N, C-alpha and C. Protein backbone atom coordinates (compact mmCIF):
# COMPACT_ATOMS: atom_id res chain seq x y z
N ASP A 1 0.90 -1.03 -0.06
CA ASP A 1 -0.05 -0.08 -0.24
C ASP A 1 0.79 1.23 -0.03
N ALA A 2 0.33 2.27 -0.35
CA ALA A 2 0.76 3.73 -0.25
C ALA A 2 -0.17 4.77 -0.20
N ILE A 3 0.30 6.09 -0.20
CA ILE A 3 -0.61 6.99 -0.16
C ILE A 3 0.11 7.78 -1.46
N ILE A 4 -0.84 8.27 -2.01
CA ILE A 4 -1.01 9.06 -3.36
C ILE A 4 -1.42 10.86 -3.02
N TYR A 5 -0.42 11.41 -3.57
CA TYR A 5 -1.41 12.85 -3.69
C TYR A 5 -1.90 13.18 -5.30
N GLU A 6 -2.78 13.74 -4.84
CA GLU A 6 -3.44 14.68 -6.40
C GLU A 6 -3.96 15.67 -5.87
N SER A 7 -3.69 17.06 -6.79
CA SER A 7 -4.78 18.21 -6.59
C SER A 7 -5.14 18.52 -8.08
N ILE A 8 -6.31 19.10 -8.06
CA ILE A 8 -7.33 19.81 -9.07
C ILE A 8 -7.67 21.33 -8.50
N ASP A 9 -7.07 22.11 -9.60
CA ASP A 9 -7.52 23.03 -9.68
C ASP A 9 -9.28 22.94 -10.00
N LEU A 10 -9.80 23.97 -8.89
CA LEU A 10 -11.61 23.68 -9.80
C LEU A 10 -11.73 24.60 -10.46
N GLN A 11 -10.93 26.05 -11.07
CA GLN A 11 -11.64 26.51 -11.88
C GLN A 11 -11.02 26.35 -12.99
N SER A 12 -9.55 25.68 -13.27
CA SER A 12 -8.97 25.76 -14.60
C SER A 12 -9.23 24.21 -14.96
N GLY A 13 -9.25 23.18 -13.96
CA GLY A 13 -9.21 21.85 -14.25
C GLY A 13 -7.80 21.24 -14.25
N ASN A 14 -7.10 22.06 -14.36
CA ASN A 14 -5.39 21.38 -13.90
C ASN A 14 -5.13 20.60 -13.09
N LYS A 15 -4.76 19.58 -13.12
CA LYS A 15 -4.24 18.50 -12.09
C LYS A 15 -2.92 18.29 -12.16
N VAL A 16 -2.23 17.76 -10.72
CA VAL A 16 -0.92 18.10 -10.33
C VAL A 16 -1.22 16.38 -9.88
N GLY A 17 -0.35 15.67 -10.38
CA GLY A 17 -0.51 13.94 -9.93
C GLY A 17 -1.16 13.25 -10.74
N PRO A 18 -1.47 11.94 -10.46
CA PRO A 18 -1.47 11.40 -8.90
C PRO A 18 0.08 10.99 -9.17
N PHE A 19 0.77 10.99 -7.94
CA PHE A 19 1.78 9.95 -7.29
C PHE A 19 2.20 9.97 -6.03
N MET A 20 2.97 9.17 -5.90
CA MET A 20 3.19 8.52 -4.56
C MET A 20 3.56 9.32 -3.83
N VAL A 21 3.31 9.65 -2.00
CA VAL A 21 4.08 10.91 -1.09
C VAL A 21 4.29 10.06 0.02
N LEU A 22 3.80 8.66 0.38
CA LEU A 22 4.46 7.67 1.40
C LEU A 22 3.88 6.60 0.90
N ALA A 23 4.99 5.79 1.66
CA ALA A 23 5.01 4.37 1.48
C ALA A 23 5.57 3.50 2.63
N GLU A 24 5.54 2.28 2.05
CA GLU A 24 5.85 1.32 3.44
C GLU A 24 7.68 1.69 3.69
N GLY A 25 7.78 1.13 4.70
CA GLY A 25 9.11 1.32 5.07
C GLY A 25 10.04 -0.14 4.91
N ASP A 26 11.09 0.14 5.20
CA ASP A 26 12.12 -0.80 4.56
C ASP A 26 11.66 -2.31 5.52
N SER A 27 12.19 -3.17 5.46
CA SER A 27 11.61 -4.68 5.61
C SER A 27 11.84 -5.12 7.16
N ASN A 28 12.66 -3.74 7.90
CA ASN A 28 12.73 -4.05 9.44
C ASN A 28 11.73 -3.49 10.31
N ALA A 29 11.39 -2.10 9.22
CA ALA A 29 10.83 -1.23 9.62
C ALA A 29 8.96 -1.29 10.76
N TRP A 30 8.87 -0.32 11.56
CA TRP A 30 7.47 -0.96 12.16
C TRP A 30 6.30 -0.58 10.80
N ASP A 31 6.02 0.00 9.91
CA ASP A 31 5.68 0.60 8.96
C ASP A 31 5.91 -0.36 7.53
N HIS A 32 6.58 -1.55 7.65
CA HIS A 32 6.83 -2.63 6.81
C HIS A 32 5.41 -2.61 5.64
N LYS A 33 4.38 -2.87 6.33
CA LYS A 33 3.16 -3.47 5.42
C LYS A 33 2.06 -2.46 5.62
N TYR A 34 1.40 -2.48 4.39
CA TYR A 34 -0.15 -1.72 4.52
C TYR A 34 -0.13 -0.11 4.90
N THR A 35 0.53 0.54 4.19
CA THR A 35 0.91 2.06 4.54
C THR A 35 -0.64 2.53 4.32
N CYS A 36 -1.42 2.90 5.17
CA CYS A 36 -2.82 3.03 4.24
C CYS A 36 -3.51 4.43 5.56
N ASN A 37 -4.53 5.00 4.82
CA ASN A 37 -5.83 5.64 6.06
C ASN A 37 -5.43 7.04 6.60
N PRO A 38 -4.60 7.88 5.75
CA PRO A 38 -3.77 9.10 5.92
C PRO A 38 -5.17 10.03 6.36
N LYS A 39 -4.82 10.84 7.23
CA LYS A 39 -5.49 12.06 7.69
C LYS A 39 -4.58 12.81 7.64
N VAL A 40 -4.58 14.10 6.79
CA VAL A 40 -3.96 14.99 7.28
C VAL A 40 -4.38 16.70 8.17
N ILE A 41 -3.48 17.22 8.83
CA ILE A 41 -4.44 18.16 9.75
C ILE A 41 -3.07 19.14 9.53
N LYS A 42 -3.60 20.81 9.53
CA LYS A 42 -3.06 21.79 9.09
C LYS A 42 -2.23 22.03 10.73
N GLY A 43 -1.31 23.06 11.19
CA GLY A 43 -1.10 23.33 12.33
C GLY A 43 0.60 24.24 12.06
N VAL A 44 1.15 24.09 13.32
CA VAL A 44 2.46 24.71 13.26
C VAL A 44 3.21 23.78 14.41
N PHE A 45 3.93 22.87 13.80
CA PHE A 45 4.81 21.31 14.08
C PHE A 45 6.35 21.86 14.40
N SER A 46 6.69 22.17 15.53
CA SER A 46 8.70 22.89 15.83
C SER A 46 8.89 21.47 15.98
N ASN A 47 9.68 21.40 15.03
CA ASN A 47 11.07 19.97 15.23
C ASN A 47 10.64 19.03 15.88
N PRO A 48 9.60 18.12 15.21
CA PRO A 48 8.70 17.05 15.74
C PRO A 48 9.46 16.03 15.47
N ILE A 49 10.62 15.96 14.50
CA ILE A 49 11.45 14.60 14.41
C ILE A 49 12.72 14.94 14.42
N GLY A 50 13.04 16.07 14.95
CA GLY A 50 14.46 16.20 15.58
C GLY A 50 15.26 16.58 14.17
N ASP A 51 14.73 17.27 13.39
CA ASP A 51 15.62 18.25 12.39
C ASP A 51 15.66 19.23 12.33
N GLY A 52 15.06 20.11 13.03
CA GLY A 52 15.24 21.47 13.84
C GLY A 52 14.51 22.20 13.04
N GLN A 53 13.15 21.36 11.90
CA GLN A 53 12.40 22.11 10.87
C GLN A 53 11.07 22.01 11.63
N THR A 54 10.11 23.62 11.11
CA THR A 54 9.00 23.61 11.34
C THR A 54 8.27 23.07 10.51
N TYR A 55 7.03 22.59 10.73
CA TYR A 55 6.27 21.93 9.12
C TYR A 55 4.86 22.73 9.63
N THR A 56 4.05 22.36 8.47
CA THR A 56 2.82 22.95 8.62
C THR A 56 1.82 21.91 8.69
N TYR A 57 2.36 20.92 8.21
CA TYR A 57 0.96 19.71 8.08
C TYR A 57 1.91 18.43 8.69
N ALA A 58 0.48 17.75 9.37
CA ALA A 58 0.97 16.31 9.58
C ALA A 58 -0.01 15.40 9.18
N MET A 59 0.65 14.38 8.41
CA MET A 59 -0.30 12.87 8.43
C MET A 59 -0.32 11.75 9.03
N TYR A 60 -1.25 10.95 9.83
CA TYR A 60 -1.38 10.61 10.61
C TYR A 60 -2.00 9.13 9.61
N PHE A 61 -1.15 8.30 9.88
CA PHE A 61 -1.34 7.20 9.16
C PHE A 61 -1.57 5.65 9.52
N VAL A 62 -1.90 4.59 9.09
CA VAL A 62 -2.08 3.36 9.74
C VAL A 62 -0.91 2.39 8.66
N ALA A 63 -0.02 1.62 9.91
CA ALA A 63 1.21 0.88 9.08
C ALA A 63 1.17 -0.50 9.86
N THR A 64 1.57 -1.77 9.91
CA THR A 64 2.13 -3.13 10.29
C THR A 64 3.25 -3.42 9.68
N SER A 65 4.15 -3.91 10.57
CA SER A 65 5.16 -5.06 9.99
C SER A 65 4.47 -6.60 9.73
N GLN A 66 3.32 -6.97 10.06
CA GLN A 66 3.06 -8.30 9.80
C GLN A 66 2.45 -8.25 8.55
N GLU A 67 2.63 -9.34 7.53
CA GLU A 67 2.19 -9.95 6.38
C GLU A 67 0.80 -9.84 6.66
N ASP A 68 0.58 -10.36 7.41
CA ASP A 68 -1.18 -10.53 7.32
C ASP A 68 -2.03 -9.77 8.15
N GLY A 69 -1.24 -8.45 7.77
CA GLY A 69 -2.25 -7.30 8.36
C GLY A 69 -2.73 -6.86 9.76
N THR A 70 -2.08 -7.61 10.53
CA THR A 70 -2.57 -7.50 12.26
C THR A 70 -1.79 -6.63 12.63
N LEU A 71 -2.02 -6.49 13.93
CA LEU A 71 -0.98 -5.37 14.97
C LEU A 71 -0.87 -4.20 14.25
N ASN A 72 -1.87 -3.59 13.74
CA ASN A 72 -1.50 -2.27 12.96
C ASN A 72 -1.46 -1.26 14.03
N SER A 73 -0.50 -0.30 13.63
CA SER A 73 0.06 0.68 14.62
C SER A 73 -0.27 2.44 13.80
N ILE A 74 -0.48 3.63 14.67
CA ILE A 74 -0.87 4.69 14.15
C ILE A 74 0.49 5.38 13.86
N GLY A 75 1.36 5.80 12.96
CA GLY A 75 2.08 6.92 12.74
C GLY A 75 2.43 8.07 11.94
N VAL A 76 3.19 8.98 12.43
CA VAL A 76 2.98 10.42 11.39
C VAL A 76 4.43 10.67 10.82
N ALA A 77 3.47 11.61 10.00
CA ALA A 77 4.76 12.38 9.09
C ALA A 77 4.55 13.87 8.89
N PHE A 78 5.38 14.64 8.68
CA PHE A 78 5.01 16.03 8.56
C PHE A 78 5.79 16.54 7.09
N SER A 79 4.89 17.63 7.16
CA SER A 79 5.52 18.20 5.51
C SER A 79 5.06 19.66 5.37
N ASN A 80 5.77 20.49 4.72
CA ASN A 80 5.46 21.86 4.73
C ASN A 80 4.58 21.97 3.24
N ASN A 81 4.67 21.01 2.45
CA ASN A 81 3.90 21.39 0.79
C ASN A 81 2.77 20.19 0.57
N GLY A 82 2.84 19.03 1.25
CA GLY A 82 1.91 17.89 1.25
C GLY A 82 2.31 17.12 0.24
N ILE A 83 3.37 17.19 0.01
CA ILE A 83 4.10 16.52 -1.20
C ILE A 83 5.03 15.67 -0.76
N GLY A 84 6.32 16.54 -0.06
CA GLY A 84 7.62 15.72 0.58
C GLY A 84 7.06 15.56 1.86
N TRP A 85 7.46 14.45 2.40
CA TRP A 85 6.88 14.39 4.02
C TRP A 85 8.08 13.46 4.79
N HIS A 86 8.13 13.78 5.96
CA HIS A 86 9.33 13.25 6.85
C HIS A 86 8.34 12.43 7.79
N LYS A 87 9.01 11.07 7.87
CA LYS A 87 8.34 10.27 8.82
C LYS A 87 8.80 10.08 10.17
N TYR A 88 7.70 10.31 11.61
CA TYR A 88 8.33 10.09 12.63
C TYR A 88 8.84 8.69 12.83
N PRO A 89 10.08 8.37 13.37
CA PRO A 89 10.60 6.96 13.41
C PRO A 89 9.84 5.74 13.76
N LEU A 90 9.07 6.09 15.05
CA LEU A 90 8.23 4.90 15.56
C LEU A 90 6.84 5.46 15.38
N PRO A 91 5.80 4.05 15.68
CA PRO A 91 4.38 4.55 15.93
C PRO A 91 3.84 5.39 16.91
N ILE A 92 3.35 6.45 16.87
CA ILE A 92 2.70 7.27 17.87
C ILE A 92 1.61 6.54 18.63
N ILE A 93 0.77 5.59 18.04
CA ILE A 93 0.05 4.63 19.15
C ILE A 93 0.22 3.34 18.25
N THR A 94 0.26 2.65 19.46
CA THR A 94 0.68 1.21 18.91
C THR A 94 -0.33 0.48 19.48
N TYR A 95 -0.69 -0.79 19.06
CA TYR A 95 -2.06 -1.58 19.62
C TYR A 95 -1.78 -2.58 20.91
N PRO A 96 -2.59 -2.66 21.65
CA PRO A 96 -2.51 -2.71 23.35
C PRO A 96 -1.69 -4.20 23.02
N ALA A 97 -0.73 -4.73 24.23
CA ALA A 97 -0.45 -6.16 23.80
C ALA A 97 -1.27 -7.13 24.46
N THR A 98 -2.38 -6.84 25.00
CA THR A 98 -3.73 -7.71 24.66
C THR A 98 -4.58 -8.50 23.54
N ASP A 99 -3.90 -7.55 22.17
CA ASP A 99 -4.25 -7.54 20.89
C ASP A 99 -3.51 -8.61 20.27
N ILE A 100 -2.33 -9.16 20.98
CA ILE A 100 -1.70 -10.21 20.38
C ILE A 100 -2.10 -11.96 20.52
N PRO A 101 -2.24 -12.70 19.63
CA PRO A 101 -1.94 -12.76 18.45
C PRO A 101 -3.44 -12.37 17.36
N ASN A 102 -2.91 -12.32 16.30
CA ASN A 102 -4.12 -12.12 15.34
C ASN A 102 -4.70 -11.47 15.31
N LYS A 103 -4.62 -9.75 15.82
CA LYS A 103 -5.88 -9.18 16.30
C LYS A 103 -5.22 -7.86 15.23
N TYR A 104 -6.47 -7.10 14.67
CA TYR A 104 -6.00 -5.76 14.07
C TYR A 104 -5.26 -4.56 14.32
N GLY A 105 -5.62 -4.58 15.80
CA GLY A 105 -4.48 -3.28 16.36
C GLY A 105 -5.49 -2.23 16.19
N VAL A 106 -4.68 -1.01 16.07
CA VAL A 106 -5.69 0.30 16.28
C VAL A 106 -5.60 0.48 14.75
N GLY A 107 -6.69 1.44 14.29
CA GLY A 107 -6.44 2.27 13.00
C GLY A 107 -7.80 3.62 13.00
N GLN A 108 -7.82 3.84 11.46
CA GLN A 108 -8.99 4.79 11.15
C GLN A 108 -8.30 6.28 11.97
N PRO A 109 -7.20 6.47 11.79
CA PRO A 109 -7.24 7.84 12.50
C PRO A 109 -8.00 9.08 11.89
N ALA A 110 -8.69 10.13 12.97
CA ALA A 110 -8.87 11.56 12.59
C ALA A 110 -8.48 12.16 13.47
N ALA A 111 -8.05 13.38 12.97
CA ALA A 111 -7.11 14.28 13.71
C ALA A 111 -8.08 15.16 13.66
N TYR A 112 -7.41 16.35 14.99
CA TYR A 112 -8.69 17.60 14.98
C TYR A 112 -7.42 18.67 15.66
N ASN A 113 -7.32 19.94 14.98
CA ASN A 113 -6.12 20.65 15.97
C ASN A 113 -6.74 21.48 16.75
N SER A 114 -6.53 21.48 18.02
CA SER A 114 -7.39 22.09 19.17
C SER A 114 -7.36 23.57 19.24
N ASP A 115 -5.75 23.87 18.68
CA ASP A 115 -5.44 25.39 18.94
C ASP A 115 -4.70 25.93 17.76
N GLY A 116 -4.78 25.40 16.85
CA GLY A 116 -4.21 26.15 15.28
C GLY A 116 -2.51 25.92 15.40
N GLY A 117 -2.11 25.47 16.55
CA GLY A 117 -0.85 25.19 16.67
C GLY A 117 -0.72 23.81 16.29
N SER A 118 0.32 22.95 17.46
CA SER A 118 0.45 21.72 17.36
C SER A 118 -0.62 20.59 18.71
N ALA A 119 -1.32 21.51 19.20
CA ALA A 119 -2.14 20.83 19.99
C ALA A 119 -3.10 19.72 19.02
N ILE A 120 -3.13 18.48 19.28
CA ILE A 120 -4.07 17.62 18.33
C ILE A 120 -4.25 16.60 19.15
N TRP A 121 -5.74 16.60 18.97
CA TRP A 121 -7.27 15.24 19.28
C TRP A 121 -6.87 14.36 18.15
N LEU A 122 -6.36 13.11 18.73
CA LEU A 122 -6.62 12.14 17.66
C LEU A 122 -7.43 11.47 18.30
N PHE A 123 -8.39 10.44 17.28
CA PHE A 123 -9.47 9.74 17.45
C PHE A 123 -8.98 8.55 16.56
N PHE A 124 -9.12 7.65 17.37
CA PHE A 124 -8.96 6.40 16.52
C PHE A 124 -9.63 5.01 16.82
N GLU A 125 -9.65 3.91 16.27
CA GLU A 125 -10.76 2.87 16.54
C GLU A 125 -9.44 2.00 16.60
N GLY A 126 -10.10 1.02 18.09
CA GLY A 126 -9.52 0.07 18.33
C GLY A 126 -9.64 -1.81 17.90
N ASN A 127 -9.05 -2.64 18.22
CA ASN A 127 -9.15 -3.84 17.70
C ASN A 127 -10.32 -4.17 17.41
N ASN A 128 -11.15 -4.11 18.43
CA ASN A 128 -12.79 -4.15 18.38
C ASN A 128 -13.43 -3.05 17.54
N GLU A 129 -14.17 -3.35 16.77
CA GLU A 129 -14.90 -2.30 15.78
C GLU A 129 -15.75 -1.22 16.67
N GLN A 130 -16.13 -1.48 17.89
CA GLN A 130 -16.76 -1.01 18.46
C GLN A 130 -16.11 -0.03 19.63
N SER A 131 -15.12 -0.13 19.77
CA SER A 131 -13.97 0.72 20.61
C SER A 131 -13.39 1.75 19.70
N HIS A 132 -13.74 3.15 20.32
CA HIS A 132 -13.05 3.87 19.65
C HIS A 132 -12.29 5.31 20.89
N TYR A 133 -11.70 5.48 20.53
CA TYR A 133 -10.82 6.38 21.31
C TYR A 133 -10.46 7.89 20.90
N LYS A 134 -10.18 8.69 21.93
CA LYS A 134 -9.33 9.77 22.01
C LYS A 134 -8.06 10.28 22.80
N VAL A 135 -7.18 10.71 22.13
CA VAL A 135 -6.40 10.96 22.95
C VAL A 135 -5.56 12.35 22.53
N THR A 136 -4.73 13.07 23.30
CA THR A 136 -4.40 14.30 22.93
C THR A 136 -2.75 14.33 23.25
N SER A 137 -2.80 15.33 22.48
CA SER A 137 -1.04 15.90 22.46
C SER A 137 -0.77 17.29 22.37
N THR A 138 0.07 17.81 22.48
CA THR A 138 0.77 19.22 22.39
C THR A 138 1.82 19.20 21.64
N ASP A 139 2.11 18.39 21.02
CA ASP A 139 3.18 18.62 19.81
C ASP A 139 2.97 17.81 18.45
N GLY A 140 1.79 17.04 18.62
CA GLY A 140 1.47 16.34 17.45
C GLY A 140 1.89 14.88 17.17
N VAL A 141 3.18 14.64 18.24
CA VAL A 141 3.44 13.51 18.36
C VAL A 141 3.54 12.70 19.51
N HIS A 142 3.73 13.01 21.11
CA HIS A 142 3.46 12.44 22.50
C HIS A 142 2.16 12.50 22.56
N PHE A 143 1.06 11.49 22.82
CA PHE A 143 0.04 11.40 23.07
C PHE A 143 -0.11 10.88 24.19
N SER A 144 -1.04 11.38 24.98
CA SER A 144 -1.64 10.45 26.19
C SER A 144 -3.25 10.96 26.65
N ASN A 145 -3.59 10.71 27.78
CA ASN A 145 -5.02 10.66 28.17
C ASN A 145 -6.30 10.34 27.32
N GLN A 146 -5.62 9.01 27.20
CA GLN A 146 -6.81 7.97 26.44
C GLN A 146 -8.13 7.92 26.93
N GLN A 147 -9.23 8.38 26.00
CA GLN A 147 -10.67 8.24 26.89
C GLN A 147 -11.29 7.13 25.38
N THR A 148 -11.96 6.72 26.25
CA THR A 148 -12.95 6.00 25.37
C THR A 148 -14.53 6.65 25.04
N LEU A 149 -14.65 6.39 23.43
CA LEU A 149 -15.58 7.23 22.99
C LEU A 149 -17.14 6.42 22.84
N THR A 150 -18.10 7.00 23.03
CA THR A 150 -19.15 6.10 23.16
C THR A 150 -19.92 5.94 21.68
N THR A 151 -20.60 5.01 21.30
CA THR A 151 -21.14 4.77 19.92
C THR A 151 -22.74 4.95 19.87
N ASN A 152 -23.10 5.26 21.45
CA ASN A 152 -24.38 5.59 22.14
C ASN A 152 -25.05 6.44 20.80
N GLY A 153 -26.38 6.16 20.26
CA GLY A 153 -27.30 6.77 19.73
C GLY A 153 -26.76 6.42 18.13
N LEU A 154 -26.05 5.65 17.82
CA LEU A 154 -25.51 5.20 16.70
C LEU A 154 -26.54 4.24 16.07
N GLN A 155 -27.08 4.36 15.13
CA GLN A 155 -27.98 3.26 14.95
C GLN A 155 -27.57 1.87 14.66
N GLN A 156 -27.80 0.85 14.77
CA GLN A 156 -27.02 -0.72 14.87
C GLN A 156 -28.18 -1.19 13.47
N VAL A 157 -27.51 -1.77 12.76
CA VAL A 157 -27.89 -2.93 11.99
C VAL A 157 -27.90 -4.10 12.11
N GLN A 158 -29.31 -5.06 11.95
CA GLN A 158 -29.35 -6.62 12.29
C GLN A 158 -29.17 -7.04 10.82
N ILE A 159 -28.50 -7.86 10.41
CA ILE A 159 -27.91 -8.70 8.93
C ILE A 159 -29.06 -9.99 9.48
N ALA A 160 -29.77 -10.20 8.21
CA ALA A 160 -30.19 -11.65 8.52
C ALA A 160 -29.59 -12.62 8.82
N GLY A 161 -30.11 -13.59 9.46
CA GLY A 161 -29.08 -14.78 10.14
C GLY A 161 -28.13 -14.80 11.00
N GLN A 162 -27.93 -13.19 11.51
CA GLN A 162 -26.76 -13.15 12.25
C GLN A 162 -27.44 -12.66 13.60
N SER A 163 -27.30 -13.42 14.73
CA SER A 163 -27.85 -13.14 16.12
C SER A 163 -27.17 -11.93 16.73
N THR A 164 -26.17 -11.25 16.01
CA THR A 164 -25.81 -9.59 16.74
C THR A 164 -25.84 -8.75 15.45
N PRO A 165 -25.98 -7.19 15.89
CA PRO A 165 -25.79 -6.05 14.97
C PRO A 165 -24.65 -5.90 14.51
N ALA A 166 -24.83 -5.94 12.93
CA ALA A 166 -23.41 -5.60 12.41
C ALA A 166 -22.37 -4.47 13.12
N PRO A 167 -20.87 -4.84 12.69
CA PRO A 167 -20.22 -3.94 13.72
C PRO A 167 -19.95 -2.59 12.67
N VAL A 168 -19.49 -1.71 13.11
CA VAL A 168 -19.50 -0.30 12.83
C VAL A 168 -18.08 0.34 12.79
N SER A 169 -17.68 0.62 11.62
CA SER A 169 -16.28 0.99 11.50
C SER A 169 -16.20 2.25 11.19
N TRP A 170 -16.02 3.25 11.48
CA TRP A 170 -15.94 4.82 11.16
C TRP A 170 -14.76 4.94 10.43
N GLY A 171 -15.16 6.00 9.15
CA GLY A 171 -14.38 6.67 8.69
C GLY A 171 -14.14 7.75 8.56
N ASP A 172 -14.34 8.87 9.19
CA ASP A 172 -13.64 9.86 9.88
C ASP A 172 -14.89 10.85 10.17
N MET A 173 -14.09 11.80 10.92
CA MET A 173 -14.83 12.84 12.23
C MET A 173 -14.33 13.96 11.81
N ALA A 174 -15.20 15.17 12.28
CA ALA A 174 -14.86 16.90 11.51
C ALA A 174 -15.91 17.01 12.75
N TYR A 175 -15.40 18.40 13.25
CA TYR A 175 -15.72 19.32 14.26
C TYR A 175 -16.31 20.77 13.72
N ASP A 176 -17.59 21.09 13.93
CA ASP A 176 -18.28 22.37 13.49
C ASP A 176 -18.27 23.19 14.68
N SER A 177 -17.56 24.08 14.39
CA SER A 177 -17.34 24.92 15.28
C SER A 177 -18.44 26.04 15.39
N ALA A 178 -19.12 26.37 14.41
CA ALA A 178 -20.45 27.25 14.56
C ALA A 178 -21.41 26.44 15.58
N THR A 179 -21.47 25.48 15.54
CA THR A 179 -22.77 24.66 16.28
C THR A 179 -22.17 24.01 17.85
N GLY A 180 -20.47 23.55 17.45
CA GLY A 180 -20.22 23.22 18.52
C GLY A 180 -20.62 21.68 18.67
N LEU A 181 -20.56 21.01 17.54
CA LEU A 181 -21.25 19.60 17.26
C LEU A 181 -19.90 18.94 16.45
N TRP A 182 -20.07 17.66 17.05
CA TRP A 182 -19.02 16.63 16.53
C TRP A 182 -20.06 15.93 15.40
N TYR A 183 -19.24 15.59 14.42
CA TYR A 183 -19.87 14.54 13.03
C TYR A 183 -19.04 13.53 12.83
N ALA A 184 -19.43 12.01 12.83
CA ALA A 184 -18.61 11.49 12.50
C ALA A 184 -19.35 10.24 10.86
N ALA A 185 -18.38 9.94 10.40
CA ALA A 185 -19.18 9.38 9.33
C ALA A 185 -18.66 7.53 9.26
N TYR A 186 -19.18 6.86 9.27
CA TYR A 186 -19.25 5.24 9.84
C TYR A 186 -19.67 4.69 8.78
N ASN A 187 -18.91 3.44 8.36
CA ASN A 187 -19.03 2.38 7.58
C ASN A 187 -19.68 1.16 7.84
N MET A 188 -20.60 0.55 7.55
CA MET A 188 -21.51 -0.18 7.93
C MET A 188 -21.35 -1.52 6.89
N ASN A 189 -20.91 -2.82 7.86
CA ASN A 189 -20.89 -3.87 6.76
C ASN A 189 -22.62 -4.53 6.34
N THR A 190 -23.15 -3.52 5.70
CA THR A 190 -24.32 -4.05 4.91
C THR A 190 -24.22 -3.49 3.68
């Protein structure tokens, strides 16, 4: 897997790309397989990877080192133009030790910049598609304060022949500052 960039000027129709901007790491890296699910957020990220640079964008993504796609973690890369990305060398959110063996891990990151700088709220899905979490960071890299999010009020879909409702997995989240409401788009297995 790889993450692709393409931009389209809506007035002229001119396109740039598509081309690859982030791919799997080398064979010994934590992100050796299945680099996917990118979420890009704008901010001011000062020296997040120790190179003395300040970056405008952070991209949170999912990857693993497992051939079978299990034990996924969430990583981050930084850019000033959306094309050249610099990866933080380690995952920033890892799967819980209780996920071993053969569990999905963590994924589906959704990012919100709470201060316009580098204070990021990161929402993600746990191994169980019904488990959703929020963590916070002041620098876009180091996260803490894990909280469990509720899916109360989310319509459950019963599939014929199954004893339990279909699991839901979110696709993304967004905050409407005018109303103070959060919105989430969910994928349903129907």
